[in-house]
Each structure stands twice: as C-alpha cells, then as structure tokens.
Protein backbone atom coordinates (compact mmCIF):
# COMPACT_ATOMS: atom_id res chain seq x y z
CA MET A 1 103.28 113.46 105.99
CA LYS A 2 103.41 110.67 103.76
CA ILE A 3 104.14 111.35 100.12
CA ILE A 4 104.10 108.83 96.80
CA VAL A 5 106.20 110.33 94.15
CA THR A 6 105.70 109.50 90.54
CA HIS A 7 106.32 110.91 86.99
CA SER A 8 103.92 113.66 85.29
CA LEU A 9 101.61 112.61 82.71
CA PRO A 10 101.41 109.20 84.57
CA ASP A 11 101.00 105.93 82.20
CA ILE A 12 98.74 103.05 83.86
CA ASP A 13 102.01 101.47 85.39
CA ALA A 14 102.76 104.71 87.43
CA ILE A 15 99.07 105.33 88.55
CA SER A 16 98.58 101.42 89.34
CA SER A 17 101.64 101.79 91.71
CA ALA A 18 100.73 104.74 93.36
CA TRP A 19 97.07 102.86 93.77
CA ILE A 20 98.27 99.53 95.02
CA LEU A 21 100.58 101.70 97.54
CA LYS A 22 97.30 103.70 98.89
CA ARG A 23 94.94 100.90 99.01
CA PHE A 24 97.16 98.27 100.68
CA LEU A 25 100.23 99.41 102.06
CA PRO A 26 99.34 99.91 105.97
CA GLY A 27 99.50 103.41 106.71
CA TRP A 28 99.84 104.91 103.18
CA ASP A 29 96.19 105.38 102.41
CA GLU A 30 95.95 109.15 102.90
CA ALA A 31 99.41 109.95 101.38
CA GLU A 32 99.52 112.65 99.00
CA ILE A 33 100.76 111.88 95.50
CA LYS A 34 102.97 114.54 93.83
CA PHE A 35 104.37 114.44 90.23
CA VAL A 36 107.87 115.02 89.08
CA PRO A 37 109.71 114.70 85.24
CA ALA A 38 110.06 111.45 84.03
CA GLY A 39 113.12 109.83 85.91
CA ASN A 40 113.63 112.68 88.31
CA ARG A 41 113.10 112.60 91.91
CA TYR A 42 111.26 114.67 94.79
CA LYS A 43 113.08 118.27 94.78
CA ASP A 44 115.51 116.87 92.64
CA LYS A 45 117.16 114.59 94.78
CA LYS A 46 120.19 112.73 93.04
CA ALA A 47 119.08 109.69 91.39
CA VAL A 48 120.99 106.42 92.61
CA PRO A 49 119.96 103.12 91.23
CA ASP A 50 118.58 100.95 94.20
CA SER A 51 116.44 97.62 94.51
CA ASP A 52 116.74 97.01 98.15
CA PHE A 53 113.45 97.28 99.73
CA GLU A 54 114.68 98.34 103.19
CA ASN A 55 115.49 101.67 101.16
CA THR A 56 111.90 102.27 99.78
CA ILE A 57 110.83 105.04 102.31
CA GLU A 58 112.86 107.81 102.37
CA MET A 59 112.72 110.76 104.75
CA TYR A 60 112.78 114.22 103.62
CA GLY A 61 112.85 116.09 106.70
CA GLU A 62 109.68 114.87 108.56
CA ASP A 63 108.17 113.29 105.17
CA GLU A 64 108.26 109.80 104.27
CA VAL A 65 108.71 109.59 100.73
CA ILE A 66 107.98 106.71 98.23
CA HIS A 67 108.96 106.80 94.51
CA VAL A 68 107.07 104.66 91.93
CA ASP A 69 107.86 104.12 88.32
CA THR A 70 110.82 106.83 88.45
CA GLY A 71 114.15 107.93 90.44
CA MET A 72 115.62 104.49 89.74
CA GLY A 73 114.63 103.42 93.61
CA PRO A 74 113.29 100.04 94.68
CA LEU A 75 109.78 100.69 93.07
CA ASP A 76 111.07 101.83 89.67
CA HIS A 77 111.99 99.23 87.09
CA HIS A 78 113.82 101.40 84.55
CA GLN A 79 117.14 99.55 85.71
CA THR A 80 116.32 96.49 84.46
CA PRO A 81 115.39 94.57 81.29
CA ASP A 82 113.21 91.91 83.03
CA GLU A 83 109.72 92.06 80.77
CA ASN A 84 108.31 90.51 83.57
CA VAL A 85 108.74 93.74 86.05
CA CYS A 86 107.14 97.08 86.23
CA GLY A 87 106.38 99.61 88.84
CA ALA A 88 103.30 97.71 89.84
CA THR A 89 104.67 94.43 90.50
CA ARG A 90 107.70 95.80 92.40
CA ALA A 91 105.00 98.05 94.22
CA LEU A 92 102.90 94.81 94.96
CA ASP A 93 105.92 93.06 96.08
CA PHE A 94 106.60 95.69 98.49
CA ALA A 95 102.89 96.01 100.05
CA LEU A 96 102.97 92.02 100.44
CA ILE A 97 105.67 92.36 102.89
CA HIS A 98 103.85 94.78 104.89
CA ASN A 99 100.49 93.76 104.43
CA LYS A 100 99.31 90.31 105.68
CA LYS A 101 95.59 90.76 105.96
CA GLU A 102 93.75 93.00 103.55
CA LEU A 103 95.73 90.92 100.18
CA LYS A 104 94.50 87.51 100.73
CA ASP A 105 92.72 84.82 98.84
CA GLU A 106 90.47 86.34 95.74
CA LYS A 107 91.31 90.19 96.11
CA LEU A 108 94.93 89.03 96.26
CA GLU A 109 94.18 86.92 92.86
CA ALA A 110 92.21 89.52 91.75
CA VAL A 111 95.27 92.40 92.32
CA ARG A 112 97.83 90.06 90.88
CA ARG A 113 95.68 89.72 87.62
CA ILE A 114 95.30 93.39 87.29
CA VAL A 115 98.91 93.42 87.75
CA GLY A 116 99.85 91.02 85.16
CA VAL A 117 97.74 93.33 82.72
CA VAL A 118 99.50 96.22 83.61
CA VAL A 119 103.20 94.73 83.25
CA ASP A 120 102.12 93.13 79.68
CA ILE A 121 101.30 96.69 78.76
CA ASP A 122 104.21 98.68 80.06
CA HIS A 123 106.44 96.23 77.99
CA PHE A 124 104.05 97.11 74.86
CA LYS A 125 102.79 93.32 74.51
CA GLU A 126 99.23 94.39 73.25
CA LEU A 127 101.26 94.82 69.69
CA TYR A 128 101.05 90.70 69.99
CA ARG A 129 97.43 90.33 70.44
CA PRO A 130 95.68 87.93 67.80
CA ASP A 131 93.59 91.31 66.89
CA PRO A 132 95.66 94.29 67.97
CA LEU A 133 94.06 96.68 64.96
CA ALA A 134 90.38 95.82 66.47
CA TYR A 135 88.54 98.74 67.80
CA TYR A 136 87.28 97.13 70.80
CA HIS A 137 90.97 97.82 72.46
CA ASP A 138 90.02 101.61 72.09
CA PHE A 139 87.73 100.80 75.12
CA SER A 140 90.52 99.69 77.14
CA LEU A 141 91.24 101.66 80.48
CA VAL A 142 94.55 102.46 78.91
CA ASN A 143 93.23 104.34 75.90
CA ILE A 144 90.38 105.89 78.18
CA LEU A 145 93.50 107.43 79.73
CA ASP A 146 95.46 108.48 76.39
CA GLY A 147 91.95 110.21 75.82
CA LEU A 148 91.86 112.14 79.08
CA LYS A 149 95.35 113.58 78.33
CA LEU A 150 94.13 115.00 75.08
CA GLN A 151 90.83 115.95 76.81
CA LYS A 152 92.17 117.66 79.69
CA PRO A 153 96.19 118.41 79.35
CA ASP A 154 97.96 118.87 82.48
CA SER A 155 96.07 117.32 84.64
CA ASP A 156 98.01 114.77 86.47
CA GLN A 157 95.79 114.57 89.38
CA PHE A 158 92.49 114.09 87.68
CA TYR A 159 93.97 111.29 85.29
CA THR A 160 95.45 109.42 88.59
CA ASP A 161 91.73 109.97 90.50
CA PHE A 162 90.00 108.78 87.59
CA ILE A 163 92.21 105.52 87.39
CA PHE A 164 92.09 104.85 91.08
CA GLN A 165 88.12 104.70 90.62
CA ALA A 166 88.33 102.51 87.76
CA LEU A 167 90.54 100.10 89.62
CA ASP A 168 88.80 100.02 92.27
CA ALA A 169 85.95 98.80 90.09
CA LEU A 170 88.34 96.29 88.36
CA VAL A 171 89.07 94.73 91.76
CA HIS A 172 85.26 93.72 92.18
CA GLU A 173 85.14 92.58 88.25
CA PHE A 174 87.80 90.61 88.69
CA GLU A 175 87.05 89.08 92.16
CA ASN A 176 83.43 88.22 90.35
CA ARG A 177 85.39 86.22 87.34
CA ILE A 178 87.48 84.22 90.09
CA TRP A 179 84.39 83.79 91.76
CA ALA A 180 82.62 82.60 88.65
CA GLU A 181 85.82 80.46 87.98
CA LYS A 182 85.25 78.74 91.14
CA GLU A 183 81.52 77.99 91.05
CA ILE A 184 81.75 76.60 87.63
CA LYS A 185 84.54 73.96 88.67
CA GLU A 186 82.68 73.02 91.74
CA ILE A 187 79.19 73.51 91.43
CA GLY A 188 78.54 73.64 87.42
CA ILE A 189 76.56 70.71 86.12
CA LYS A 190 77.56 69.54 82.38
CA PHE A 191 75.15 68.00 80.37
CA GLU A 192 74.57 66.97 76.69
CA SER A 193 72.05 69.19 74.59
CA LYS A 194 71.43 68.49 71.04
CA TRP A 195 73.74 71.66 70.12
CA GLY A 196 76.54 70.21 72.18
CA GLU A 197 77.79 70.47 75.69
CA GLY A 198 75.76 72.67 78.08
CA LEU A 199 76.35 74.28 81.30
CA GLY A 200 73.98 74.70 84.47
CA VAL A 201 74.71 76.65 87.41
CA GLU A 202 72.68 77.68 90.69
CA THR A 203 74.27 81.00 91.74
CA VAL A 204 73.92 84.65 92.29
CA ASN A 205 76.75 85.33 89.89
CA ASP A 206 75.94 86.20 86.44
CA ASP A 207 79.35 86.21 85.14
CA VAL A 208 78.96 82.32 85.05
CA ILE A 209 76.75 82.57 81.58
CA LYS A 210 79.51 84.65 80.03
CA LEU A 211 82.47 82.90 81.23
CA GLY A 212 80.87 79.44 80.49
CA GLN A 213 80.44 80.39 76.71
CA MET A 214 84.12 81.48 76.82
CA MET A 215 84.89 78.00 78.15
CA GLY A 216 82.95 76.44 75.22
CA ALA A 217 79.68 75.50 76.43
CA SER A 218 76.98 75.95 73.43
CA VAL A 219 74.09 76.70 75.84
CA VAL A 220 74.15 78.04 79.45
CA VAL A 221 71.56 78.26 82.36
CA ARG A 222 71.99 80.08 85.09
CA ARG A 223 69.06 79.90 88.24
CA ASP A 224 69.36 82.89 91.03
CA PRO A 225 68.95 80.70 94.33
CA ARG A 226 67.50 83.90 96.13
CA LYS A 227 65.06 85.34 93.40
CA GLY A 228 64.44 81.94 91.43
CA TYR A 229 65.44 84.04 87.93
CA VAL A 230 66.40 81.91 85.35
CA ARG A 231 68.53 83.24 82.18
CA ILE A 232 69.24 80.59 79.49
CA LYS A 233 72.10 82.11 76.88
CA ALA A 234 73.57 80.03 73.96
CA ASN A 235 76.62 80.72 71.64
CA PRO A 236 75.86 83.77 69.43
CA LYS A 237 77.45 82.00 66.23
CA SER A 238 75.62 78.65 66.81
CA ASP A 239 72.75 77.04 65.19
CA THR A 240 71.15 77.15 68.62
CA ASP A 241 67.21 77.93 68.38
CA LEU A 242 65.49 78.34 71.98
CA THR A 243 61.72 78.38 70.33
CA GLN A 244 61.18 74.76 71.73
CA THR A 245 62.46 75.44 75.06
CA TYR A 246 60.70 78.58 75.27
CA GLU A 247 57.30 76.99 74.53
CA GLN A 248 58.07 73.84 76.74
CA LEU A 249 58.65 76.03 79.74
CA LYS A 250 55.85 78.24 79.06
CA LYS A 251 53.40 74.99 79.54
CA MET A 252 55.35 73.48 82.38
CA ASP A 253 54.87 77.20 84.07
CA PRO A 254 52.57 79.36 82.63
CA GLU A 255 52.12 81.79 85.11
CA ALA A 256 56.08 82.62 85.12
CA THR A 257 57.40 85.77 82.91
CA TRP A 258 59.49 84.22 79.87
CA PHE A 259 61.06 86.18 77.01
CA LEU A 260 62.51 85.19 74.17
CA HIS A 261 64.78 87.20 72.50
CA VAL A 262 64.28 87.68 68.70
CA SER A 263 67.69 86.00 67.99
CA ARG A 264 66.34 83.01 69.66
CA LYS A 265 69.67 82.52 71.70
CA MET A 266 68.54 83.79 74.74
CA LEU A 267 65.74 82.86 77.10
CA LEU A 268 64.91 85.07 80.12
CA ASN A 269 62.91 84.72 83.05
CA GLY A 270 63.07 87.41 85.55
CA THR A 271 65.15 90.28 85.78
CA THR A 272 66.33 93.45 87.82
CA LYS A 273 66.11 95.68 85.09
CA ASN A 274 62.42 94.41 85.24
CA PRO A 275 61.07 93.98 88.77
CA THR A 276 57.52 93.25 87.44
CA MET A 277 58.93 89.84 85.63
CA ARG A 278 57.47 87.01 87.59
CA PRO A 279 60.37 83.98 88.52
CA THR A 280 59.76 80.42 87.69
CA LYS A 281 58.85 77.88 90.06
CA LEU A 282 60.91 75.45 88.19
CA LYS A 283 64.13 74.04 89.32
CA LEU A 284 67.42 74.11 87.59
CA ASP A 285 67.11 70.35 87.28
CA ASP A 286 63.90 70.73 85.46
CA ILE A 287 65.50 73.54 83.09
CA ILE A 288 68.23 71.37 82.27
CA ALA A 289 66.05 68.15 81.68
CA VAL A 290 64.37 70.31 79.09
CA LEU A 291 67.36 71.53 77.28
CA LYS A 292 68.56 67.77 77.01
CA LYS A 293 65.62 66.86 74.88
C-alpha cells in the first residue's frame, strides 16, 4: 500500500502537498492519506532531518510511505528558514523528477502559480497585502478551510477531500487565465476609443474581458467565434457610457438581441445564461469601428 502522511488539522500547505503527490506523482493517485500530530512521523518513528529526495519514499514493512509537511523528511520544510520553500514546493519538485508527461505547458504553469500562492500563505505574506483587512479575503480557500475546521471539528479527511476538489478546480481556472494572457498578447486588437485604450479579442475565453480590464483597458470587447455572441464591458469606475454604442449597434443589426446594463458600462449580445438571445451577425472589426467613434 502507498501512504501519504501529513499532520492532523492540516493547513493549506499540508493538503496542497498531498494533492500534488496524488495528482502528479506517477503511481500515487490511489495513495491513502493518514494524519499524525504535527512534527511526528508515521507509527511514531523517530524523526531525522533529511533533505535528500532519494530518501523520500520509506518502507514500513510492505507499505511505501511519504511524509509531507511533517516529520522533518525531504518533503517537510520546517528545517529550513527559506521563505521561498514550503511542503508544496518540495512536493512539486519531487513530482517533477518522476513526471515528465502530465505536468507540462499550461498545466505546469498553473500548478506553479498555485504553489506560489501556497508558499506565500505558509509564510504569512498575506499580512503584507495592500488591503489585508478587506473582507473579500475571507472568501479565500484558506479562510474557507479555517471555517470548515470550526464547522466540522476533527474531520481531517473531510477537509482534505474538500480542498482537493477546490484545487482541481483552481488548476482549470489558472489554465484559463494563462490562456487568456496568451490570447491577449497574440491576437488581441488594441484601439483608441474616446474613453481611452480599448481591447478587442475574438475568443471563446471570457476571462480576456476581466483580465483586459485589469491590464488597464478602458473598454474590452469579446466576440465568441463559435456562437457569434458579443460582450462589451467598460471600466466600472470610468465615465464610459455605452448608450450611443448600443443605439448604433441596434441600427446596424436590429435582428440581434442587445442588452444594455443599467450602469451603461456593459453591453451584451447573446449569452449561455439566456439561449433565447439572438447573436449578432456583425464581426469584431465592425464592433471595434463603432467603439472607436
């Protein structure tokens, strides 16, 4: 049997470390996770500080055991003061030694970014955010984990299973973000509107809108090449008013369904949330030409 051992009442680093091994270390996807008091080792075996990856997998009779974030072994990090290292960074480094197929390109970059967040949290760097007291931080995965520990005490396996699902979802979200970054860079069309720099992208990835705004675009337009849907969003804090754009597009394509949000900073044509909306026949260049005026 393969066993991954981490500490009880696991934090985000301990769970992320176990998740990396089960998802990306070949042959360990069915490994059982066991919990020991923090700092201890499986079956109370004496801890000997060791950072050599060759000693990561230990034999306990017929069982193969890996310790993560506890036990002072190669995938623990409490024997080093390096603030760029945590259990998850060590687990990822170890997995990459053995895995050359599953972790590559966008997925590898996504996992690296997730681990980068985990190592910052494990070293309390969230204290130095520009707005550490803002309530939206309480919606983070770390705070949800803390809430679960209050809601369901002494449920280590439940916490682990829950965060595993969340991390699986985050990989997809990070991959989508990386894809959006690439598309903005490679096929994004920059243009000047009367409100400032605009960005147009023909893509199925809706993340380009939010990301484009974060990158400074005053107005972003995305056209879905598969369904023809168009979404136009302006910076919520700007003086942008899409009313004239709305009226002009309705004249150019009156058969399409156009929805102008009450804020006048969001103009939608077609959405998967409402399949009865009719997509426009206008092309991305047609939309951009209107926004330029």
